[in-house]
Amino acid sequence: MALDEALKNLKHDVRMLEINMNNGTLTNEEVRTYLNSLPDSAANSEPVSLEDKKDSLGSH
């Protein structure tokens, strides 16, 4: 894979977002459009409570 193709595949990668916006590869509108196109995964999520973790850490 050529470098330009690899960079194109990473265009919306969160680790490259700031760089791509600073060098003009991405605009705010492109980022907004991309984020709005992502599917809603809320049904696949599970609530997490930090209080539950704190209680289990104290039992060791």
Protein backbone atom coordinates (compact mmCIF):
# COMPACT_ATOMS: atom_id res chain seq x y z
CA MET A 1 0.00 0.00 0.00
CA ALA A 2 1.35 3.38 -0.97
CA LEU A 3 1.75 6.10 1.64
CA ASP A 4 -0.85 8.37 0.04
CA GLU A 5 -3.39 5.52 0.02
CA ALA A 6 -2.64 4.71 3.68
CA LEU A 7 -3.11 8.37 4.65
CA LYS A 8 -6.38 8.50 2.71
CA ASN A 9 -7.60 5.48 4.71
CA LEU A 10 -6.74 7.34 7.93
CA LYS A 11 -8.38 10.61 6.87
CA HIS A 12 -11.11 10.39 9.54
CA ASP A 13 -9.05 8.55 12.14
CA VAL A 14 -9.39 10.39 15.46
CA ARG A 15 -5.60 10.23 15.93
CA MET A 16 -5.11 12.12 12.64
CA LEU A 17 -8.07 14.51 12.93
CA GLU A 18 -6.20 17.54 14.25
CA ILE A 19 -3.34 17.10 11.78
CA ASN A 20 -5.74 16.72 8.84
CA MET A 21 -7.72 19.78 9.86
CA ASN A 22 -4.58 21.89 10.39
CA ASN A 23 -3.13 21.01 6.98
CA GLY A 24 -6.44 21.50 5.15
CA THR A 25 -7.04 17.84 4.30
CA LEU A 26 -10.34 18.00 6.24
CA THR A 27 -12.79 20.80 6.88
CA ASN A 28 -15.19 21.19 9.81
CA GLU A 29 -18.07 20.43 7.44
CA GLU A 30 -16.45 17.18 6.24
CA VAL A 31 -15.89 16.07 9.85
CA ARG A 32 -19.48 16.95 10.77
CA THR A 33 -20.82 15.05 7.73
CA TYR A 34 -18.67 12.01 8.53
CA LEU A 35 -19.71 11.94 12.20
CA ASN A 36 -23.38 12.24 11.25
CA SER A 37 -23.00 9.27 8.87
CA LEU A 38 -21.81 6.90 11.62
CA PRO A 39 -24.38 4.39 12.86
CA ASP A 40 -25.85 4.75 16.34
CA SER A 41 -24.41 1.94 18.50
CA ALA A 42 -26.30 2.86 21.68
CA ALA A 43 -28.16 -0.47 21.61
CA ASN A 44 -24.80 -2.27 21.89
CA SER A 45 -23.71 -0.34 24.97
CA GLU A 46 -23.88 -1.15 28.65
CA PRO A 47 -23.93 1.33 31.56
CA VAL A 48 -20.81 1.44 33.74
CA SER A 49 -20.71 2.74 37.28
CA LEU A 50 -17.44 3.87 38.80
CA GLU A 51 -18.92 3.27 42.24
CA ASP A 52 -19.21 -0.46 41.43
CA LYS A 53 -15.51 -0.55 40.52
CA LYS A 54 -14.48 1.27 43.68
CA ASP A 55 -16.37 -1.26 45.84
CA SER A 56 -14.71 -4.22 44.11
CA LEU A 57 -11.24 -2.68 44.42
CA GLY A 58 -11.62 -2.29 48.19
CA SER A 59 -12.38 -6.01 48.66
CA HIS A 60 -8.85 -7.19 47.80
